[in-house]
């Protein structure tokens, strides 16, 4: 029984790793296929990684891109790949390019180490795109993404907040509710 729950936990962690921090704000069921195409294109961008946060919303044939990226080319690449998708006629690109800063680069790496070397959070580092994204702007850290438990969200916040040189931490991590949990 314990072995099966371990397999289930690893499978859930794999799902979270495979589903990076791409949020789609839409309610129409007819946009479902379009949303899947947009997500697939954005997640496969070559330089999309742990220090980037991409989000999008769909309104008819208009897609609005938002978030923060570390490289200016990622902003233009995201817009380019979404424009190519059939059914998209207009792309509004509100992605912010984070300022270049050696100080922020040092903070990014230190927070990355603090978060992903924490034993309770190591499973989120698996895969091409980890599910906890670290956004740093002028020494201020924002954590974006999905974790399985509220305790992991709190641990990530404490780890990031304990890094020297971090001025503030905003914890926007979402807790994934497992469908397999027994309800009281």
C-alpha atoms as a PDB file:
ATOM      1  CA  UNK A   1       0.000   0.000   0.000  1.00  0.00           C
ATOM      2  CA  UNK A   2       2.800   2.365   0.916  1.00  0.00           C
ATOM      3  CA  UNK A   3       4.552   1.611  -2.380  1.00  0.00           C
ATOM      4  CA  UNK A   4       1.375   2.480  -4.334  1.00  0.00           C
ATOM      5  CA  UNK A   5       1.003   5.800  -2.507  1.00  0.00           C
ATOM      6  CA  UNK A   6       4.647   6.573  -3.280  1.00  0.00           C
ATOM      7  CA  UNK A   7       3.999   5.870  -6.973  1.00  0.00           C
ATOM      8  CA  UNK A   8       0.919   8.105  -6.846  1.00  0.00           C
ATOM      9  CA  UNK A   9       2.928  10.900  -5.209  1.00  0.00           C
ATOM     10  CA  UNK A  10       5.642  10.627  -7.837  1.00  0.00           C
ATOM     11  CA  UNK A  11       3.020  10.622 -10.589  1.00  0.00           C
ATOM     12  CA  UNK A  12       1.411  13.766  -9.146  1.00  0.00           C
ATOM     13  CA  UNK A  13       4.808  15.428  -8.905  1.00  0.00           C
ATOM     14  CA  UNK A  14       5.405  14.518 -12.552  1.00  0.00           C
ATOM     15  CA  UNK A  15       2.120  16.119 -13.525  1.00  0.00           C
ATOM     16  CA  UNK A  16       3.057  19.304 -11.712  1.00  0.00           C
ATOM     17  CA  UNK A  17       6.468  19.377 -13.345  1.00  0.00           C
ATOM     18  CA  UNK A  18       4.907  18.818 -16.749  1.00  0.00           C
ATOM     19  CA  UNK A  19       2.459  21.671 -16.080  1.00  0.00           C
ATOM     20  CA  UNK A  20       4.616  24.749 -15.544  1.00  0.00           C
ATOM     21  CA  UNK A  21       3.405  28.091 -14.471  1.00  0.00           C
ATOM     22  CA  UNK A  22       1.180  28.945 -17.401  1.00  0.00           C
ATOM     23  CA  UNK A  23      -2.140  30.239 -16.243  1.00  0.00           C
ATOM     24  CA  UNK A  24      -5.071  30.593 -18.594  1.00  0.00           C
ATOM     25  CA  UNK A  25      -7.846  32.910 -17.478  1.00  0.00           C
ATOM     26  CA  UNK A  26     -10.853  31.877 -19.522  1.00  0.00           C
ATOM     27  CA  UNK A  27     -14.286  30.405 -18.938  1.00  0.00           C
ATOM     28  CA  UNK A  28     -15.509  29.374 -22.388  1.00  0.00           C
ATOM     29  CA  UNK A  29     -15.422  25.640 -23.121  1.00  0.00           C
ATOM     30  CA  UNK A  30     -15.106  26.315 -26.864  1.00  0.00           C
ATOM     31  CA  UNK A  31     -11.699  27.879 -26.201  1.00  0.00           C
ATOM     32  CA  UNK A  32     -10.413  24.604 -24.710  1.00  0.00           C
ATOM     33  CA  UNK A  33      -8.578  23.393 -27.826  1.00  0.00           C
ATOM     34  CA  UNK A  34      -7.091  26.831 -28.385  1.00  0.00           C
ATOM     35  CA  UNK A  35      -5.897  26.984 -24.766  1.00  0.00           C
ATOM     36  CA  UNK A  36      -4.159  23.623 -25.128  1.00  0.00           C
ATOM     37  CA  UNK A  37      -2.400  24.788 -28.286  1.00  0.00           C
ATOM     38  CA  UNK A  38      -1.272  28.051 -26.658  1.00  0.00           C
ATOM     39  CA  UNK A  39       0.012  26.261 -23.580  1.00  0.00           C
ATOM     40  CA  UNK A  40       1.903  23.701 -25.668  1.00  0.00           C
ATOM     41  CA  UNK A  41       3.571  26.422 -27.747  1.00  0.00           C
ATOM     42  CA  UNK A  42       4.586  28.479 -24.704  1.00  0.00           C
ATOM     43  CA  UNK A  43       5.865  25.558 -22.654  1.00  0.00           C
ATOM     44  CA  UNK A  44       8.105  24.418 -25.494  1.00  0.00           C
ATOM     45  CA  UNK A  45       9.816  27.770 -25.983  1.00  0.00           C
ATOM     46  CA  UNK A  46      13.552  27.015 -25.879  1.00  0.00           C
ATOM     47  CA  UNK A  47      14.560  29.578 -23.247  1.00  0.00           C
ATOM     48  CA  UNK A  48      11.490  29.413 -20.971  1.00  0.00           C
ATOM     49  CA  UNK A  49      12.665  28.397 -17.525  1.00  0.00           C
ATOM     50  CA  UNK A  50      12.527  28.687 -13.779  1.00  0.00           C
ATOM     51  CA  UNK A  51      13.271  32.453 -13.778  1.00  0.00           C
ATOM     52  CA  UNK A  52      10.371  33.248 -16.140  1.00  0.00           C
ATOM     53  CA  UNK A  53       6.625  33.467 -15.566  1.00  0.00           C
ATOM     54  CA  UNK A  54       4.224  33.330 -18.507  1.00  0.00           C
ATOM     55  CA  UNK A  55       0.454  33.683 -18.297  1.00  0.00           C
ATOM     56  CA  UNK A  56      -2.230  34.209 -20.894  1.00  0.00           C
ATOM     57  CA  UNK A  57      -5.922  34.864 -21.305  1.00  0.00           C
ATOM     58  CA  UNK A  58      -8.175  34.156 -24.254  1.00  0.00           C
ATOM     59  CA  UNK A  59     -11.029  36.406 -25.312  1.00  0.00           C
ATOM     60  CA  UNK A  60     -12.495  35.108 -28.558  1.00  0.00           C
ATOM     61  CA  UNK A  61      -9.720  35.309 -31.135  1.00  0.00           C
ATOM     62  CA  UNK A  62      -7.572  37.629 -29.012  1.00  0.00           C
ATOM     63  CA  UNK A  63      -4.852  36.261 -26.725  1.00  0.00           C
ATOM     64  CA  UNK A  64      -3.325  38.475 -24.049  1.00  0.00           C
ATOM     65  CA  UNK A  65       0.129  37.422 -22.866  1.00  0.00           C
ATOM     66  CA  UNK A  66       1.414  38.576 -19.477  1.00  0.00           C
ATOM     67  CA  UNK A  67       4.076  37.719 -16.937  1.00  0.00           C
ATOM     68  CA  UNK A  68       7.775  38.374 -16.546  1.00  0.00           C
ATOM     69  CA  UNK A  69      10.745  37.074 -18.486  1.00  0.00           C
ATOM     70  CA  UNK A  70      14.472  37.270 -17.996  1.00  0.00           C
ATOM     71  CA  UNK A  71      15.361  37.589 -21.712  1.00  0.00           C
ATOM     72  CA  UNK A  72      13.876  40.063 -24.184  1.00  0.00           C
ATOM     73  CA  UNK A  73      13.917  37.409 -26.907  1.00  0.00           C
ATOM     74  CA  UNK A  74      11.533  35.234 -24.880  1.00  0.00           C
ATOM     75  CA  UNK A  75       8.921  37.994 -24.976  1.00  0.00           C
ATOM     76  CA  UNK A  76       9.069  38.248 -28.764  1.00  0.00           C
ATOM     77  CA  UNK A  77       9.272  34.456 -29.197  1.00  0.00           C
ATOM     78  CA  UNK A  78       6.131  33.970 -27.084  1.00  0.00           C
ATOM     79  CA  UNK A  79       4.214  36.478 -29.200  1.00  0.00           C
ATOM     80  CA  UNK A  80       5.493  34.951 -32.437  1.00  0.00           C
ATOM     81  CA  UNK A  81       4.488  31.363 -31.609  1.00  0.00           C
ATOM     82  CA  UNK A  82       1.040  32.370 -30.354  1.00  0.00           C
ATOM     83  CA  UNK A  83       0.358  34.452 -33.494  1.00  0.00           C
ATOM     84  CA  UNK A  84       0.982  31.347 -35.633  1.00  0.00           C
ATOM     85  CA  UNK A  85      -1.763  29.334 -33.925  1.00  0.00           C
ATOM     86  CA  UNK A  86      -4.887  28.824 -35.991  1.00  0.00           C
ATOM     87  CA  UNK A  87      -7.809  30.681 -34.417  1.00  0.00           C
ATOM     88  CA  UNK A  88      -5.675  33.500 -33.006  1.00  0.00           C
ATOM     89  CA  UNK A  89      -6.141  36.766 -34.880  1.00  0.00           C
ATOM     90  CA  UNK A  90      -4.721  39.214 -32.349  1.00  0.00           C
ATOM     91  CA  UNK A  91      -2.025  38.982 -29.671  1.00  0.00           C
ATOM     92  CA  UNK A  92      -1.657  41.603 -26.956  1.00  0.00           C
ATOM     93  CA  UNK A  93       1.825  41.216 -25.477  1.00  0.00           C
ATOM     94  CA  UNK A  94       2.002  42.541 -21.903  1.00  0.00           C
ATOM     95  CA  UNK A  95       4.996  40.441 -20.893  1.00  0.00           C
ATOM     96  CA  UNK A  96       7.453  42.436 -18.805  1.00  0.00           C
ATOM     97  CA  UNK A  97      11.162  42.027 -19.476  1.00  0.00           C
ATOM     98  CA  UNK A  98      12.996  42.072 -16.148  1.00  0.00           C
ATOM     99  CA  UNK A  99      15.885  44.531 -15.889  1.00  0.00           C
ATOM    100  CA  UNK A 100      19.403  43.202 -16.388  1.00  0.00           C
ATOM    101  CA  UNK A 101      21.153  43.197 -13.045  1.00  0.00           C
ATOM    102  CA  UNK A 102      24.115  41.201 -11.751  1.00  0.00           C
ATOM    103  CA  UNK A 103      22.682  41.699  -8.249  1.00  0.00           C
ATOM    104  CA  UNK A 104      19.339  40.156  -9.264  1.00  0.00           C
ATOM    105  CA  UNK A 105      21.182  37.319 -11.012  1.00  0.00           C
ATOM    106  CA  UNK A 106      23.013  36.530  -7.763  1.00  0.00           C
ATOM    107  CA  UNK A 107      19.738  36.619  -5.820  1.00  0.00           C
ATOM    108  CA  UNK A 108      18.042  34.361  -8.407  1.00  0.00           C
ATOM    109  CA  UNK A 109      20.716  31.691  -8.056  1.00  0.00           C
ATOM    110  CA  UNK A 110      20.771  31.930  -4.263  1.00  0.00           C
ATOM    111  CA  UNK A 111      16.971  31.591  -4.046  1.00  0.00           C
ATOM    112  CA  UNK A 112      17.055  28.720  -6.544  1.00  0.00           C
ATOM    113  CA  UNK A 113      19.547  26.870  -4.346  1.00  0.00           C
ATOM    114  CA  UNK A 114      17.665  27.650  -1.136  1.00  0.00           C
ATOM    115  CA  UNK A 115      14.313  26.483  -2.510  1.00  0.00           C
ATOM    116  CA  UNK A 116      15.276  23.465  -4.589  1.00  0.00           C
ATOM    117  CA  UNK A 117      17.918  22.074  -2.234  1.00  0.00           C
ATOM    118  CA  UNK A 118      15.329  21.971   0.558  1.00  0.00           C
ATOM    119  CA  UNK A 119      14.487  18.247   0.867  1.00  0.00           C
ATOM    120  CA  UNK A 120      10.723  18.895   1.026  1.00  0.00           C
ATOM    121  CA  UNK A 121      10.864  20.756  -2.314  1.00  0.00           C
ATOM    122  CA  UNK A 122      13.423  18.764  -4.303  1.00  0.00           C
ATOM    123  CA  UNK A 123      10.766  16.870  -6.269  1.00  0.00           C
ATOM    124  CA  UNK A 124       9.657  20.161  -7.867  1.00  0.00           C
ATOM    125  CA  UNK A 125      13.083  20.586  -9.451  1.00  0.00           C
ATOM    126  CA  UNK A 126      12.596  17.537 -11.672  1.00  0.00           C
ATOM    127  CA  UNK A 127      11.898  17.985 -15.350  1.00  0.00           C
ATOM    128  CA  UNK A 128      12.789  20.565 -17.937  1.00  0.00           C
ATOM    129  CA  UNK A 129      10.724  23.333 -16.366  1.00  0.00           C
ATOM    130  CA  UNK A 130      10.410  23.224 -12.561  1.00  0.00           C
ATOM    131  CA  UNK A 131       6.961  24.033 -11.187  1.00  0.00           C
ATOM    132  CA  UNK A 132       8.159  26.731  -8.765  1.00  0.00           C
ATOM    133  CA  UNK A 133       9.214  29.832 -10.674  1.00  0.00           C
ATOM    134  CA  UNK A 134      11.467  32.482  -9.115  1.00  0.00           C
ATOM    135  CA  UNK A 135      10.964  36.035 -10.341  1.00  0.00           C
ATOM    136  CA  UNK A 136      13.439  38.637  -9.054  1.00  0.00           C
ATOM    137  CA  UNK A 137      13.104  42.362  -9.668  1.00  0.00           C
ATOM    138  CA  UNK A 138      15.435  44.752  -7.820  1.00  0.00           C
ATOM    139  CA  UNK A 139      16.030  42.285  -4.983  1.00  0.00           C
ATOM    140  CA  UNK A 140      12.314  41.576  -4.508  1.00  0.00           C
ATOM    141  CA  UNK A 141      11.352  37.936  -5.059  1.00  0.00           C
ATOM    142  CA  UNK A 142       8.030  36.573  -6.285  1.00  0.00           C
ATOM    143  CA  UNK A 143       7.351  32.839  -6.189  1.00  0.00           C
ATOM    144  CA  UNK A 144       4.932  31.599  -8.864  1.00  0.00           C
ATOM    145  CA  UNK A 145       3.700  28.115  -9.661  1.00  0.00           C
ATOM    146  CA  UNK A 146       2.008  25.104  -8.127  1.00  0.00           C
ATOM    147  CA  UNK A 147       2.806  22.841  -5.162  1.00  0.00           C
ATOM    148  CA  UNK A 148       0.909  19.904  -3.671  1.00  0.00           C
ATOM    149  CA  UNK A 149       0.634  21.044  -0.054  1.00  0.00           C
ATOM    150  CA  UNK A 150       0.205  24.256   1.904  1.00  0.00           C
ATOM    151  CA  UNK A 151       3.252  23.278   3.991  1.00  0.00           C
ATOM    152  CA  UNK A 152       5.419  23.216   0.843  1.00  0.00           C
ATOM    153  CA  UNK A 153       4.169  26.667  -0.106  1.00  0.00           C
ATOM    154  CA  UNK A 154       5.198  27.908   3.344  1.00  0.00           C
ATOM    155  CA  UNK A 155       8.589  26.167   3.208  1.00  0.00           C
ATOM    156  CA  UNK A 156       9.337  27.760  -0.182  1.00  0.00           C
ATOM    157  CA  UNK A 157       8.458  31.182   1.234  1.00  0.00           C
ATOM    158  CA  UNK A 158      10.670  30.685   4.301  1.00  0.00           C
ATOM    159  CA  UNK A 159      13.582  29.414   2.210  1.00  0.00           C
ATOM    160  CA  UNK A 160      13.389  32.362  -0.201  1.00  0.00           C
ATOM    161  CA  UNK A 161      12.958  34.844   2.636  1.00  0.00           C
ATOM    162  CA  UNK A 162      16.082  33.507   4.344  1.00  0.00           C
ATOM    163  CA  UNK A 163      18.378  34.329   1.418  1.00  0.00           C
ATOM    164  CA  UNK A 164      20.823  37.148   2.052  1.00  0.00           C
ATOM    165  CA  UNK A 165      20.124  40.153  -0.166  1.00  0.00           C
ATOM    166  CA  UNK A 166      16.403  39.490  -0.616  1.00  0.00           C
ATOM    167  CA  UNK A 167      14.371  42.579   0.277  1.00  0.00           C
ATOM    168  CA  UNK A 168      10.909  40.997   0.170  1.00  0.00           C
ATOM    169  CA  UNK A 169       9.169  37.803  -0.907  1.00  0.00           C
ATOM    170  CA  UNK A 170       5.706  37.578  -2.435  1.00  0.00           C
ATOM    171  CA  UNK A 171       4.372  34.039  -2.328  1.00  0.00           C
ATOM    172  CA  UNK A 172       1.959  33.484  -5.250  1.00  0.00           C
ATOM    173  CA  UNK A 173       2.325  29.696  -5.172  1.00  0.00           C
ATOM    174  CA  UNK A 174      -0.964  27.854  -5.625  1.00  0.00           C
ATOM    175  CA  UNK A 175      -1.775  24.624  -3.797  1.00  0.00           C
ATOM    176  CA  UNK A 176      -2.952  21.846  -6.106  1.00  0.00           C
ATOM    177  CA  UNK A 177      -5.883  19.983  -4.634  1.00  0.00           C
ATOM    178  CA  UNK A 178      -5.520  16.264  -5.246  1.00  0.00           C
ATOM    179  CA  UNK A 179      -8.594  14.611  -6.724  1.00  0.00           C
ATOM    180  CA  UNK A 180      -7.587  11.347  -5.067  1.00  0.00           C
ATOM    181  CA  UNK A 181      -7.767  12.660  -1.495  1.00  0.00           C
ATOM    182  CA  UNK A 182     -10.501  11.360   0.720  1.00  0.00           C
ATOM    183  CA  UNK A 183     -12.993  14.038   1.603  1.00  0.00           C
ATOM    184  CA  UNK A 184     -14.227  14.398   5.173  1.00  0.00           C
END
